[in-house]
């Protein structure tokens, strides 16, 4: 099957920028208390659910997976870019990192207690996002949690907008529209946060914390 164009472009872009991107984000989490707070809540919920390990989908150089590991979560990383995976493996040899795409995760149904997609869904065109959300739902066990971070806009934003990301084409999503998309994929949205830009950011940032219902409701996929 032919790979969607956005995956080919995104992979090539991050392969080309892997070293400079890693240097750019190095240490940024230490300057973002709200990011750490969201990750902390996610880690606590995952541990409490006992539903399984976490996959950091679009893990890049592995820094978020490493942080979740420090918080006591069993976690592995998946990324489209072979060069990013190589950097993550070198930086965090105690963790597992593999190549893969969020559109078709090489994971069995209901095997995870958590999915983290930290600014990785931004590169998927709007028409691809429902399939990505369904794939996240498929691999999560009932009671499992999903945490998304993405570029957003102020409360007046109503439609998805292209974003001039410095690595690969990207999109900004209205917070509530993205939450509705997750609900349509069978998730229960537990929290939504819109924060103002910090540092060199140009736009507000969105966070969504969602859960696959414990009863197993919503959509499911086929086992792999």
N, C-alpha and C. Protein backbone atom coordinates (compact mmCIF):
# COMPACT_ATOMS: atom_id res chain seq x y z
N UNK A 1 0.84 -1.18 0.00
CA UNK A 1 0.00 0.00 0.00
C UNK A 1 0.88 1.25 0.00
N UNK A 2 0.51 2.23 -0.80
CA UNK A 2 1.30 3.45 -0.90
C UNK A 2 1.20 4.27 0.38
N UNK A 3 2.32 4.74 0.85
CA UNK A 3 2.37 5.54 2.07
C UNK A 3 1.79 6.92 1.80
N UNK A 4 0.98 7.47 2.71
CA UNK A 4 0.50 8.84 2.55
C UNK A 4 1.66 9.83 2.41
N UNK A 5 1.46 10.82 1.55
CA UNK A 5 2.53 11.77 1.26
C UNK A 5 3.05 12.47 2.51
N UNK A 6 2.15 12.79 3.45
CA UNK A 6 2.59 13.55 4.62
C UNK A 6 3.58 12.76 5.46
N UNK A 7 3.46 11.44 5.47
CA UNK A 7 4.42 10.62 6.22
C UNK A 7 5.80 10.67 5.56
N UNK A 8 5.84 10.57 4.25
CA UNK A 8 7.10 10.61 3.52
C UNK A 8 7.80 11.95 3.75
N UNK A 9 7.04 13.04 3.65
CA UNK A 9 7.60 14.38 3.82
C UNK A 9 8.08 14.59 5.26
N UNK A 10 7.27 14.18 6.21
CA UNK A 10 7.62 14.37 7.63
C UNK A 10 8.85 13.57 8.00
N UNK A 11 8.92 12.32 7.56
CA UNK A 11 10.09 11.49 7.85
C UNK A 11 11.37 12.13 7.30
N UNK A 12 11.32 12.52 6.03
CA UNK A 12 12.51 13.11 5.40
C UNK A 12 12.91 14.41 6.08
N UNK A 13 11.94 15.20 6.49
CA UNK A 13 12.22 16.48 7.13
C UNK A 13 12.89 16.30 8.48
N UNK A 14 12.37 15.37 9.28
CA UNK A 14 12.97 15.16 10.61
C UNK A 14 14.30 14.42 10.51
N UNK A 15 14.46 13.55 9.52
CA UNK A 15 15.77 12.95 9.32
C UNK A 15 16.81 14.02 9.03
N UNK A 16 16.44 14.98 8.18
CA UNK A 16 17.38 16.04 7.80
C UNK A 16 17.70 16.98 8.96
N UNK A 17 16.73 17.20 9.84
CA UNK A 17 16.89 18.18 10.92
C UNK A 17 17.10 17.52 12.28
N UNK A 18 17.36 16.22 12.31
CA UNK A 18 17.36 15.49 13.58
C UNK A 18 18.31 16.08 14.61
N UNK A 19 19.54 16.37 14.21
CA UNK A 19 20.53 16.87 15.17
C UNK A 19 20.16 18.27 15.65
N UNK A 20 19.86 19.17 14.73
CA UNK A 20 19.53 20.54 15.12
C UNK A 20 18.23 20.59 15.92
N UNK A 21 17.25 19.76 15.59
CA UNK A 21 16.01 19.73 16.36
C UNK A 21 16.28 19.25 17.79
N UNK A 22 17.09 18.23 17.91
CA UNK A 22 17.41 17.71 19.25
C UNK A 22 18.09 18.78 20.09
N UNK A 23 19.00 19.52 19.49
CA UNK A 23 19.68 20.61 20.21
C UNK A 23 18.69 21.71 20.59
N UNK A 24 17.73 21.99 19.70
CA UNK A 24 16.76 23.05 19.94
C UNK A 24 15.85 22.74 21.14
N UNK A 25 15.40 21.48 21.26
CA UNK A 25 14.46 21.14 22.33
C UNK A 25 15.16 20.73 23.62
N UNK A 26 16.47 20.57 23.58
CA UNK A 26 17.19 20.12 24.77
C UNK A 26 16.98 21.09 25.93
N UNK A 27 16.52 20.57 27.05
CA UNK A 27 16.32 21.38 28.24
C UNK A 27 15.04 22.19 28.27
N UNK A 28 14.24 22.14 27.21
CA UNK A 28 13.03 22.99 27.16
C UNK A 28 12.00 22.58 28.19
N UNK A 29 11.92 21.29 28.52
CA UNK A 29 10.92 20.84 29.49
C UNK A 29 11.18 21.45 30.87
N UNK A 30 12.43 21.71 31.18
CA UNK A 30 12.77 22.30 32.47
C UNK A 30 12.21 23.71 32.60
N UNK A 31 11.95 24.37 31.46
CA UNK A 31 11.43 25.74 31.47
C UNK A 31 9.90 25.78 31.33
N UNK A 32 9.25 24.63 31.31
CA UNK A 32 7.81 24.57 31.05
C UNK A 32 7.08 23.86 32.18
N UNK A 33 6.78 24.57 33.28
CA UNK A 33 6.13 23.92 34.42
C UNK A 33 4.75 23.36 34.09
N UNK A 34 4.02 24.01 33.19
CA UNK A 34 2.69 23.51 32.85
C UNK A 34 2.79 22.20 32.06
N UNK A 35 3.78 22.11 31.19
CA UNK A 35 4.01 20.85 30.47
C UNK A 35 4.32 19.73 31.45
N UNK A 36 5.18 20.01 32.41
CA UNK A 36 5.53 18.98 33.40
C UNK A 36 4.31 18.59 34.23
N UNK A 37 3.46 19.56 34.51
CA UNK A 37 2.25 19.27 35.28
C UNK A 37 1.32 18.34 34.52
N UNK A 38 1.12 18.60 33.23
CA UNK A 38 0.26 17.74 32.43
C UNK A 38 0.83 16.33 32.32
N UNK A 39 2.12 16.24 32.12
CA UNK A 39 2.77 14.93 32.05
C UNK A 39 2.68 14.21 33.39
N UNK A 40 2.79 14.96 34.49
CA UNK A 40 2.68 14.36 35.81
C UNK A 40 1.30 13.79 36.08
N UNK A 41 0.26 14.52 35.71
CA UNK A 41 -1.10 14.01 35.88
C UNK A 41 -1.31 12.76 35.03
N UNK A 42 -0.86 12.83 33.78
CA UNK A 42 -0.98 11.67 32.88
C UNK A 42 -0.29 10.45 33.48
N UNK A 43 0.94 10.62 33.98
CA UNK A 43 1.68 9.51 34.56
C UNK A 43 0.96 8.93 35.77
N UNK A 44 0.41 9.81 36.60
CA UNK A 44 -0.31 9.33 37.79
C UNK A 44 -1.54 8.52 37.40
N UNK A 45 -2.28 8.99 36.42
CA UNK A 45 -3.48 8.28 35.97
C UNK A 45 -3.13 6.93 35.36
N UNK A 46 -2.06 6.89 34.57
CA UNK A 46 -1.64 5.64 33.95
C UNK A 46 -1.24 4.63 35.02
N UNK A 47 -0.46 5.08 35.99
CA UNK A 47 -0.04 4.16 37.06
C UNK A 47 -1.24 3.65 37.84
N UNK A 48 -2.19 4.53 38.12
CA UNK A 48 -3.36 4.14 38.91
C UNK A 48 -4.26 3.17 38.16
N UNK A 49 -4.33 3.31 36.85
CA UNK A 49 -5.22 2.44 36.07
C UNK A 49 -4.71 1.02 35.99
N UNK A 50 -3.38 0.85 36.01
CA UNK A 50 -2.81 -0.48 35.90
C UNK A 50 -3.13 -1.18 34.59
N UNK A 51 -3.44 -0.39 33.55
CA UNK A 51 -3.91 -0.96 32.29
C UNK A 51 -2.77 -1.36 31.35
N UNK A 52 -1.54 -0.99 31.68
CA UNK A 52 -0.44 -1.38 30.81
C UNK A 52 0.58 -0.27 30.62
N UNK A 53 1.56 -0.50 29.75
CA UNK A 53 2.63 0.48 29.51
C UNK A 53 2.15 1.64 28.64
N UNK A 54 3.04 2.60 28.44
CA UNK A 54 2.77 3.78 27.62
C UNK A 54 3.61 3.74 26.35
N UNK A 55 3.02 4.17 25.25
CA UNK A 55 3.78 4.41 24.02
C UNK A 55 3.82 5.91 23.77
N UNK A 56 5.03 6.43 23.63
CA UNK A 56 5.23 7.82 23.24
C UNK A 56 5.31 7.84 21.72
N UNK A 57 4.20 8.22 21.08
CA UNK A 57 4.07 8.12 19.62
C UNK A 57 4.52 9.44 18.99
N UNK A 58 5.57 9.36 18.19
CA UNK A 58 6.21 10.57 17.69
C UNK A 58 7.20 11.07 18.72
N UNK A 59 8.01 10.16 19.24
CA UNK A 59 8.84 10.43 20.41
C UNK A 59 10.02 11.34 20.12
N UNK A 60 10.37 11.53 18.84
CA UNK A 60 11.52 12.38 18.54
C UNK A 60 12.78 11.88 19.23
N UNK A 61 13.55 12.76 19.86
CA UNK A 61 14.80 12.35 20.49
C UNK A 61 14.63 11.65 21.84
N UNK A 62 13.38 11.38 22.24
CA UNK A 62 13.14 10.52 23.40
C UNK A 62 13.00 11.22 24.73
N UNK A 63 13.02 12.54 24.76
CA UNK A 63 13.05 13.26 26.04
C UNK A 63 11.78 13.08 26.85
N UNK A 64 10.61 13.00 26.20
CA UNK A 64 9.36 12.83 26.95
C UNK A 64 9.24 11.41 27.49
N UNK A 65 9.65 10.44 26.71
CA UNK A 65 9.65 9.07 27.21
C UNK A 65 10.56 8.95 28.42
N UNK A 66 11.72 9.59 28.35
CA UNK A 66 12.65 9.54 29.48
C UNK A 66 12.04 10.20 30.72
N UNK A 67 11.32 11.31 30.53
CA UNK A 67 10.69 11.99 31.66
C UNK A 67 9.61 11.11 32.29
N UNK A 68 8.79 10.47 31.45
CA UNK A 68 7.76 9.58 31.99
C UNK A 68 8.40 8.41 32.74
N UNK A 69 9.51 7.92 32.23
CA UNK A 69 10.23 6.85 32.94
C UNK A 69 10.65 7.31 34.32
N UNK A 70 11.13 8.55 34.43
CA UNK A 70 11.51 9.09 35.73
C UNK A 70 10.32 9.18 36.67
N UNK A 71 9.12 9.32 36.11
CA UNK A 71 7.91 9.41 36.92
C UNK A 71 7.34 8.03 37.26
N UNK A 72 8.07 6.98 36.93
CA UNK A 72 7.67 5.64 37.32
C UNK A 72 6.77 4.92 36.33
N UNK A 73 6.76 5.38 35.08
CA UNK A 73 5.92 4.77 34.05
C UNK A 73 6.76 3.85 33.17
N UNK A 74 6.23 2.69 32.85
CA UNK A 74 6.86 1.82 31.87
C UNK A 74 6.52 2.38 30.49
N UNK A 75 7.54 2.76 29.73
CA UNK A 75 7.30 3.52 28.50
C UNK A 75 8.29 3.12 27.42
N UNK A 76 7.83 3.18 26.18
CA UNK A 76 8.69 3.02 25.02
C UNK A 76 8.33 4.10 24.02
N UNK A 77 9.22 4.33 23.04
CA UNK A 77 8.99 5.38 22.06
C UNK A 77 8.88 4.84 20.65
N UNK A 78 8.06 5.53 19.85
CA UNK A 78 7.88 5.18 18.44
C UNK A 78 8.02 6.47 17.64
N UNK A 79 8.80 6.42 16.56
CA UNK A 79 8.94 7.61 15.73
C UNK A 79 9.08 7.22 14.27
N UNK A 80 8.62 8.12 13.41
CA UNK A 80 8.67 7.91 11.97
C UNK A 80 10.09 8.03 11.43
N UNK A 81 10.91 8.84 12.08
CA UNK A 81 12.24 9.17 11.58
C UNK A 81 13.31 8.21 12.11
N UNK A 82 13.99 7.46 11.23
CA UNK A 82 15.06 6.59 11.69
C UNK A 82 16.18 7.33 12.43
N UNK A 83 16.49 8.55 11.99
CA UNK A 83 17.56 9.30 12.65
C UNK A 83 17.13 9.74 14.05
N UNK A 84 15.88 10.09 14.23
CA UNK A 84 15.39 10.43 15.56
C UNK A 84 15.45 9.21 16.48
N UNK A 85 15.05 8.07 15.96
CA UNK A 85 15.09 6.84 16.76
C UNK A 85 16.53 6.53 17.16
N UNK A 86 17.47 6.72 16.25
CA UNK A 86 18.88 6.47 16.57
C UNK A 86 19.37 7.39 17.68
N UNK A 87 18.98 8.67 17.61
CA UNK A 87 19.38 9.63 18.64
C UNK A 87 18.78 9.25 19.99
N UNK A 88 17.51 8.86 20.00
CA UNK A 88 16.85 8.47 21.25
C UNK A 88 17.50 7.24 21.85
N UNK A 89 17.82 6.27 21.02
CA UNK A 89 18.47 5.06 21.53
C UNK A 89 19.83 5.36 22.15
N UNK A 90 20.56 6.26 21.53
CA UNK A 90 21.88 6.61 22.06
C UNK A 90 21.77 7.38 23.37
N UNK A 91 20.78 8.28 23.45
CA UNK A 91 20.63 9.11 24.64
C UNK A 91 20.05 8.33 25.82
N UNK A 92 19.16 7.39 25.53
CA UNK A 92 18.46 6.67 26.59
C UNK A 92 18.50 5.17 26.30
N UNK A 93 19.67 4.55 26.44
CA UNK A 93 19.82 3.13 26.08
C UNK A 93 18.99 2.18 26.95
N UNK A 94 18.51 2.66 28.08
CA UNK A 94 17.71 1.82 28.96
C UNK A 94 16.25 1.74 28.53
N UNK A 95 15.87 2.53 27.51
CA UNK A 95 14.49 2.53 27.02
C UNK A 95 14.45 1.96 25.60
N UNK A 96 13.27 1.53 25.19
CA UNK A 96 13.09 0.93 23.87
C UNK A 96 12.48 1.95 22.91
N UNK A 97 13.12 2.11 21.75
CA UNK A 97 12.62 3.01 20.71
C UNK A 97 12.59 2.26 19.38
N UNK A 98 11.48 2.42 18.66
CA UNK A 98 11.32 1.73 17.38
C UNK A 98 10.77 2.70 16.33
N UNK A 99 10.97 2.35 15.08
CA UNK A 99 10.40 3.11 13.98
C UNK A 99 8.95 2.68 13.76
N UNK A 100 8.10 3.65 13.43
CA UNK A 100 6.71 3.33 13.17
C UNK A 100 5.91 4.57 12.88
N UNK A 101 4.68 4.37 12.42
CA UNK A 101 3.78 5.45 12.05
C UNK A 101 2.52 5.42 12.90
N UNK A 102 2.06 6.59 13.31
CA UNK A 102 0.84 6.67 14.10
C UNK A 102 -0.40 6.28 13.31
N UNK A 103 -0.29 6.23 12.00
CA UNK A 103 -1.44 5.84 11.20
C UNK A 103 -1.67 4.33 11.22
N UNK A 104 -0.63 3.58 11.57
CA UNK A 104 -0.74 2.11 11.60
C UNK A 104 0.31 1.57 12.57
N UNK A 105 -0.02 1.58 13.84
CA UNK A 105 0.92 1.16 14.86
C UNK A 105 1.07 -0.35 14.86
N UNK A 106 2.30 -0.81 14.96
CA UNK A 106 2.57 -2.24 14.98
C UNK A 106 2.41 -2.77 16.40
N UNK A 107 1.18 -2.69 16.89
CA UNK A 107 0.86 -3.07 18.26
C UNK A 107 -0.47 -3.81 18.27
N UNK A 108 -0.64 -4.77 19.18
CA UNK A 108 -1.93 -5.46 19.28
C UNK A 108 -3.02 -4.55 19.84
N UNK A 109 -4.25 -4.96 19.66
CA UNK A 109 -5.36 -4.24 20.25
C UNK A 109 -5.24 -4.21 21.78
N UNK A 110 -5.64 -3.09 22.37
CA UNK A 110 -5.83 -2.97 23.82
C UNK A 110 -4.61 -3.39 24.63
N UNK A 111 -3.41 -3.05 24.15
CA UNK A 111 -2.19 -3.49 24.83
C UNK A 111 -1.54 -2.41 25.69
N UNK A 112 -2.04 -1.18 25.62
CA UNK A 112 -1.39 -0.06 26.29
C UNK A 112 -2.26 0.55 27.39
N UNK A 113 -1.59 1.04 28.41
CA UNK A 113 -2.28 1.82 29.43
C UNK A 113 -2.27 3.30 29.14
N UNK A 114 -1.43 3.72 28.20
CA UNK A 114 -1.37 5.14 27.86
C UNK A 114 -0.74 5.37 26.50
N UNK A 115 -1.18 6.42 25.84
CA UNK A 115 -0.57 6.90 24.61
C UNK A 115 -0.26 8.38 24.80
N UNK A 116 0.97 8.76 24.55
CA UNK A 116 1.38 10.15 24.56
C UNK A 116 1.68 10.57 23.13
N UNK A 117 1.06 11.65 22.66
CA UNK A 117 1.35 12.21 21.35
C UNK A 117 1.66 13.69 21.56
N UNK A 118 2.94 13.97 21.80
CA UNK A 118 3.39 15.30 22.21
C UNK A 118 3.86 16.07 20.96
N UNK A 119 2.98 16.89 20.43
CA UNK A 119 3.26 17.67 19.22
C UNK A 119 3.61 16.78 18.02
N UNK A 120 3.08 15.58 17.98
CA UNK A 120 3.32 14.70 16.84
C UNK A 120 2.11 14.63 15.90
N UNK A 121 0.91 14.81 16.41
CA UNK A 121 -0.27 14.79 15.54
C UNK A 121 -0.34 16.04 14.67
N UNK A 122 0.45 17.06 14.96
CA UNK A 122 0.36 18.33 14.23
C UNK A 122 0.69 18.18 12.75
N UNK A 123 1.44 17.15 12.40
CA UNK A 123 1.86 16.99 11.01
C UNK A 123 0.85 16.21 10.16
N UNK A 124 -0.16 15.66 10.78
CA UNK A 124 -1.18 14.91 10.04
C UNK A 124 -2.23 15.88 9.48
N UNK A 125 -2.50 15.83 8.19
CA UNK A 125 -3.56 16.68 7.63
C UNK A 125 -4.89 16.38 8.32
N UNK A 126 -5.80 17.36 8.36
CA UNK A 126 -7.06 17.18 9.09
C UNK A 126 -7.84 15.93 8.69
N UNK A 127 -7.80 15.56 7.40
CA UNK A 127 -8.55 14.39 6.98
C UNK A 127 -7.94 13.08 7.48
N UNK A 128 -6.69 13.12 7.92
CA UNK A 128 -6.02 11.93 8.45
C UNK A 128 -6.23 11.74 9.95
N UNK A 129 -6.60 12.81 10.65
CA UNK A 129 -6.66 12.74 12.11
C UNK A 129 -7.72 11.78 12.65
N UNK A 130 -8.91 11.67 12.06
CA UNK A 130 -9.85 10.68 12.60
C UNK A 130 -9.29 9.26 12.60
N UNK A 131 -8.55 8.90 11.54
CA UNK A 131 -7.94 7.57 11.50
C UNK A 131 -6.86 7.41 12.55
N UNK A 132 -6.09 8.47 12.81
CA UNK A 132 -5.06 8.42 13.85
C UNK A 132 -5.70 8.26 15.23
N UNK A 133 -6.77 9.01 15.48
CA UNK A 133 -7.46 8.90 16.77
C UNK A 133 -8.03 7.50 16.96
N UNK A 134 -8.57 6.92 15.89
CA UNK A 134 -9.10 5.56 15.97
C UNK A 134 -7.99 4.55 16.26
N UNK A 135 -6.80 4.79 15.70
CA UNK A 135 -5.67 3.91 15.96
C UNK A 135 -5.21 4.02 17.41
N UNK A 136 -5.19 5.22 17.96
CA UNK A 136 -4.86 5.38 19.38
C UNK A 136 -5.87 4.64 20.25
N UNK A 137 -7.15 4.76 19.89
CA UNK A 137 -8.20 4.07 20.64
C UNK A 137 -8.02 2.56 20.57
N UNK A 138 -7.64 2.06 19.40
CA UNK A 138 -7.49 0.61 19.21
C UNK A 138 -6.42 0.03 20.13
N UNK A 139 -5.27 0.71 20.24
CA UNK A 139 -4.15 0.13 20.99
C UNK A 139 -4.28 0.36 22.50
N UNK A 140 -5.16 1.24 22.93
CA UNK A 140 -5.36 1.47 24.36
C UNK A 140 -6.28 0.42 24.96
N UNK A 141 -5.91 -0.05 26.13
CA UNK A 141 -6.79 -0.93 26.87
C UNK A 141 -7.95 -0.12 27.44
N UNK A 142 -9.11 -0.76 27.69
CA UNK A 142 -10.17 -0.05 28.38
C UNK A 142 -9.66 0.55 29.69
N UNK A 143 -9.95 1.82 29.89
CA UNK A 143 -9.44 2.54 31.05
C UNK A 143 -8.10 3.22 30.80
N UNK A 144 -7.52 3.00 29.61
CA UNK A 144 -6.24 3.63 29.27
C UNK A 144 -6.40 5.10 28.94
N UNK A 145 -5.31 5.85 29.03
CA UNK A 145 -5.35 7.31 28.88
C UNK A 145 -4.53 7.79 27.68
N UNK A 146 -4.97 8.90 27.12
CA UNK A 146 -4.33 9.55 25.99
C UNK A 146 -4.03 11.00 26.36
N UNK A 147 -2.81 11.45 26.10
CA UNK A 147 -2.46 12.85 26.30
C UNK A 147 -1.90 13.41 25.00
N UNK A 148 -2.50 14.50 24.54
CA UNK A 148 -2.07 15.19 23.33
C UNK A 148 -1.60 16.59 23.67
N UNK A 149 -0.56 17.04 23.00
CA UNK A 149 -0.15 18.45 23.03
C UNK A 149 0.00 18.90 21.58
N UNK A 150 -0.42 20.13 21.30
CA UNK A 150 -0.44 20.58 19.90
C UNK A 150 -0.54 22.10 19.85
N UNK A 151 -0.19 22.68 18.68
CA UNK A 151 -0.39 24.10 18.48
C UNK A 151 -1.89 24.36 18.32
N UNK A 152 -2.35 25.42 18.97
CA UNK A 152 -3.77 25.75 18.90
C UNK A 152 -3.93 27.23 18.56
N UNK A 153 -5.00 27.82 19.03
CA UNK A 153 -5.28 29.24 18.80
C UNK A 153 -6.14 29.76 19.91
N UNK A 154 -6.50 31.04 19.86
CA UNK A 154 -7.35 31.58 20.91
C UNK A 154 -8.78 31.05 20.74
N UNK A 155 -9.65 31.43 21.66
CA UNK A 155 -11.01 30.88 21.67
C UNK A 155 -11.83 31.27 20.45
N UNK A 156 -11.37 32.26 19.70
CA UNK A 156 -12.09 32.65 18.50
C UNK A 156 -11.78 31.75 17.31
N UNK A 157 -10.77 30.90 17.44
CA UNK A 157 -10.37 30.02 16.33
C UNK A 157 -11.42 28.93 16.16
N UNK A 158 -11.91 28.75 14.93
CA UNK A 158 -12.99 27.80 14.67
C UNK A 158 -12.62 26.71 13.67
N UNK A 159 -11.58 26.91 12.89
CA UNK A 159 -11.21 25.94 11.87
C UNK A 159 -9.74 25.57 12.00
N UNK A 160 -9.37 24.43 11.43
CA UNK A 160 -7.99 24.00 11.40
C UNK A 160 -7.21 24.90 10.45
N UNK A 161 -6.01 25.31 10.86
CA UNK A 161 -5.22 26.23 10.04
C UNK A 161 -3.82 25.68 9.84
N UNK A 162 -3.27 25.81 8.62
CA UNK A 162 -1.87 25.43 8.40
C UNK A 162 -0.95 26.27 9.28
N UNK A 163 0.16 25.68 9.65
CA UNK A 163 1.11 26.33 10.55
C UNK A 163 2.50 26.23 9.92
N UNK A 164 3.22 27.32 9.88
CA UNK A 164 4.54 27.32 9.24
C UNK A 164 5.61 26.78 10.20
N UNK A 165 5.50 25.51 10.47
CA UNK A 165 6.46 24.81 11.31
C UNK A 165 7.82 24.80 10.63
N UNK A 166 8.89 24.87 11.41
CA UNK A 166 10.22 25.00 10.82
C UNK A 166 10.79 23.68 10.29
N UNK A 167 10.15 22.55 10.63
CA UNK A 167 10.66 21.27 10.17
C UNK A 167 9.80 20.69 9.05
N UNK A 168 8.49 20.56 9.28
CA UNK A 168 7.60 19.93 8.31
C UNK A 168 6.24 20.62 8.35
N UNK A 169 5.45 20.52 7.28
CA UNK A 169 4.11 21.12 7.29
C UNK A 169 3.32 20.67 8.51
N UNK A 170 2.58 21.60 9.10
CA UNK A 170 1.86 21.31 10.34
C UNK A 170 0.55 22.09 10.37
N UNK A 171 -0.29 21.74 11.35
CA UNK A 171 -1.62 22.34 11.44
C UNK A 171 -1.92 22.72 12.90
N UNK A 172 -2.61 23.85 13.05
CA UNK A 172 -3.11 24.28 14.36
C UNK A 172 -4.57 23.88 14.47
N UNK A 173 -4.94 23.35 15.62
CA UNK A 173 -6.31 22.88 15.85
C UNK A 173 -7.00 23.68 16.94
N UNK A 174 -8.25 24.10 16.71
CA UNK A 174 -9.04 24.65 17.82
C UNK A 174 -9.20 23.58 18.89
N UNK A 175 -9.06 23.95 20.12
CA UNK A 175 -9.09 22.98 21.22
C UNK A 175 -10.38 22.17 21.24
N UNK A 176 -11.50 22.84 21.14
CA UNK A 176 -12.78 22.13 21.24
C UNK A 176 -13.04 21.26 20.02
N UNK A 177 -12.57 21.67 18.86
CA UNK A 177 -12.75 20.86 17.66
C UNK A 177 -11.96 19.56 17.76
N UNK A 178 -10.76 19.65 18.29
CA UNK A 178 -9.94 18.44 18.47
C UNK A 178 -10.59 17.54 19.53
N UNK A 179 -11.14 18.14 20.58
CA UNK A 179 -11.82 17.34 21.60
C UNK A 179 -13.02 16.62 21.00
N UNK A 180 -13.76 17.27 20.13
CA UNK A 180 -14.90 16.63 19.47
C UNK A 180 -14.44 15.46 18.60
N UNK A 181 -13.30 15.63 17.94
CA UNK A 181 -12.76 14.54 17.11
C UNK A 181 -12.45 13.32 17.97
N UNK A 182 -11.84 13.54 19.14
CA UNK A 182 -11.54 12.42 20.03
C UNK A 182 -12.82 11.74 20.52
N UNK A 183 -13.82 12.53 20.84
CA UNK A 183 -15.09 11.96 21.28
C UNK A 183 -15.70 11.10 20.18
N UNK A 184 -15.56 11.55 18.93
CA UNK A 184 -16.06 10.78 17.81
C UNK A 184 -15.33 9.46 17.61
N UNK A 185 -14.10 9.37 18.10
CA UNK A 185 -13.32 8.14 18.01
C UNK A 185 -13.57 7.21 19.20
N UNK A 186 -14.44 7.62 20.10
CA UNK A 186 -14.79 6.77 21.23
C UNK A 186 -14.14 7.13 22.55
N UNK A 187 -13.45 8.27 22.61
CA UNK A 187 -12.80 8.68 23.84
C UNK A 187 -13.72 9.51 24.72
N UNK A 188 -13.47 9.46 26.02
CA UNK A 188 -14.04 10.40 26.97
C UNK A 188 -12.98 11.45 27.26
N UNK A 189 -13.28 12.70 26.94
CA UNK A 189 -12.32 13.78 27.17
C UNK A 189 -12.44 14.22 28.63
N UNK A 190 -11.34 14.08 29.38
CA UNK A 190 -11.35 14.37 30.80
C UNK A 190 -10.92 15.79 31.12
N UNK A 191 -10.03 16.35 30.29
CA UNK A 191 -9.53 17.70 30.56
C UNK A 191 -9.05 18.32 29.26
N UNK A 192 -9.26 19.64 29.17
CA UNK A 192 -8.74 20.40 28.04
C UNK A 192 -8.13 21.69 28.58
N UNK A 193 -6.96 22.02 28.08
CA UNK A 193 -6.23 23.19 28.57
C UNK A 193 -5.70 23.99 27.39
N UNK A 194 -5.91 25.28 27.44
CA UNK A 194 -5.34 26.19 26.46
C UNK A 194 -4.46 27.17 27.21
N UNK A 195 -3.17 27.17 26.90
CA UNK A 195 -2.27 28.11 27.58
C UNK A 195 -1.73 29.13 26.59
N UNK A 196 -1.37 30.26 27.11
CA UNK A 196 -0.86 31.35 26.29
C UNK A 196 0.58 31.04 25.85
N UNK A 197 1.04 31.66 24.77
CA UNK A 197 2.41 31.41 24.29
C UNK A 197 3.45 31.79 25.35
N UNK A 198 4.52 31.02 25.38
CA UNK A 198 5.64 31.30 26.28
C UNK A 198 6.92 31.33 25.47
N UNK A 199 7.91 32.06 25.95
CA UNK A 199 9.19 32.10 25.27
C UNK A 199 9.05 32.57 23.84
N UNK A 200 9.55 31.78 22.91
CA UNK A 200 9.49 32.14 21.50
C UNK A 200 8.27 31.64 20.77
N UNK A 201 7.29 31.08 21.49
CA UNK A 201 6.09 30.57 20.84
C UNK A 201 5.26 31.71 20.25
N UNK A 202 4.62 31.44 19.13
CA UNK A 202 3.81 32.46 18.46
C UNK A 202 2.31 32.28 18.66
N UNK A 203 1.91 31.10 19.13
CA UNK A 203 0.49 30.80 19.24
C UNK A 203 0.19 30.11 20.58
N UNK A 204 -1.06 30.17 21.03
CA UNK A 204 -1.44 29.38 22.20
C UNK A 204 -1.23 27.89 21.94
N UNK A 205 -1.08 27.16 23.01
CA UNK A 205 -0.82 25.72 22.94
C UNK A 205 -1.99 24.96 23.58
N UNK A 206 -2.36 23.84 22.97
CA UNK A 206 -3.49 23.05 23.47
C UNK A 206 -3.04 21.73 24.05
N UNK A 207 -3.77 21.27 25.06
CA UNK A 207 -3.54 19.97 25.67
C UNK A 207 -4.90 19.30 25.85
N UNK A 208 -4.96 18.03 25.51
CA UNK A 208 -6.18 17.25 25.74
C UNK A 208 -5.81 15.96 26.45
N UNK A 209 -6.52 15.69 27.53
CA UNK A 209 -6.35 14.44 28.26
C UNK A 209 -7.65 13.66 28.12
N UNK A 210 -7.55 12.45 27.57
CA UNK A 210 -8.75 11.66 27.29
C UNK A 210 -8.53 10.22 27.77
N UNK A 211 -9.62 9.46 27.72
CA UNK A 211 -9.59 8.11 28.27
C UNK A 211 -10.46 7.20 27.41
N UNK A 212 -9.95 6.01 27.14
CA UNK A 212 -10.82 4.99 26.55
C UNK A 212 -11.72 4.46 27.66
N UNK A 213 -13.04 4.48 27.47
CA UNK A 213 -13.94 4.07 28.55
C UNK A 213 -13.59 2.69 29.10
N UNK A 214 -13.71 2.55 30.39
CA UNK A 214 -13.35 1.29 31.04
C UNK A 214 -14.22 0.14 30.57
N UNK A 215 -15.42 0.44 30.11
CA UNK A 215 -16.29 -0.60 29.61
C UNK A 215 -15.94 -1.09 28.22
N UNK A 216 -14.88 -0.45 27.62
CA UNK A 216 -14.45 -0.87 26.29
C UNK A 216 -15.27 -0.27 25.19
N UNK A 217 -16.09 0.75 25.51
CA UNK A 217 -16.97 1.33 24.52
C UNK A 217 -16.21 2.04 23.42
N UNK A 218 -16.93 2.40 22.39
CA UNK A 218 -16.33 3.12 21.27
C UNK A 218 -15.80 2.17 20.23
N UNK A 219 -14.97 2.69 19.35
CA UNK A 219 -14.50 1.93 18.20
C UNK A 219 -13.34 1.04 18.57
N UNK A 220 -13.21 -0.02 17.85
CA UNK A 220 -12.07 -0.92 18.00
C UNK A 220 -11.53 -1.26 16.63
N UNK A 221 -10.30 -1.75 16.61
CA UNK A 221 -9.69 -2.12 15.34
C UNK A 221 -9.45 -3.61 15.28
N UNK A 222 -8.65 -4.02 14.33
CA UNK A 222 -8.30 -5.43 14.17
C UNK A 222 -6.97 -5.72 14.82
N UNK A 223 -6.85 -6.89 15.41
CA UNK A 223 -5.58 -7.28 16.04
C UNK A 223 -4.51 -7.42 15.00
N UNK A 224 -3.29 -7.12 15.42
CA UNK A 224 -2.14 -7.28 14.53
C UNK A 224 -1.18 -8.28 15.15
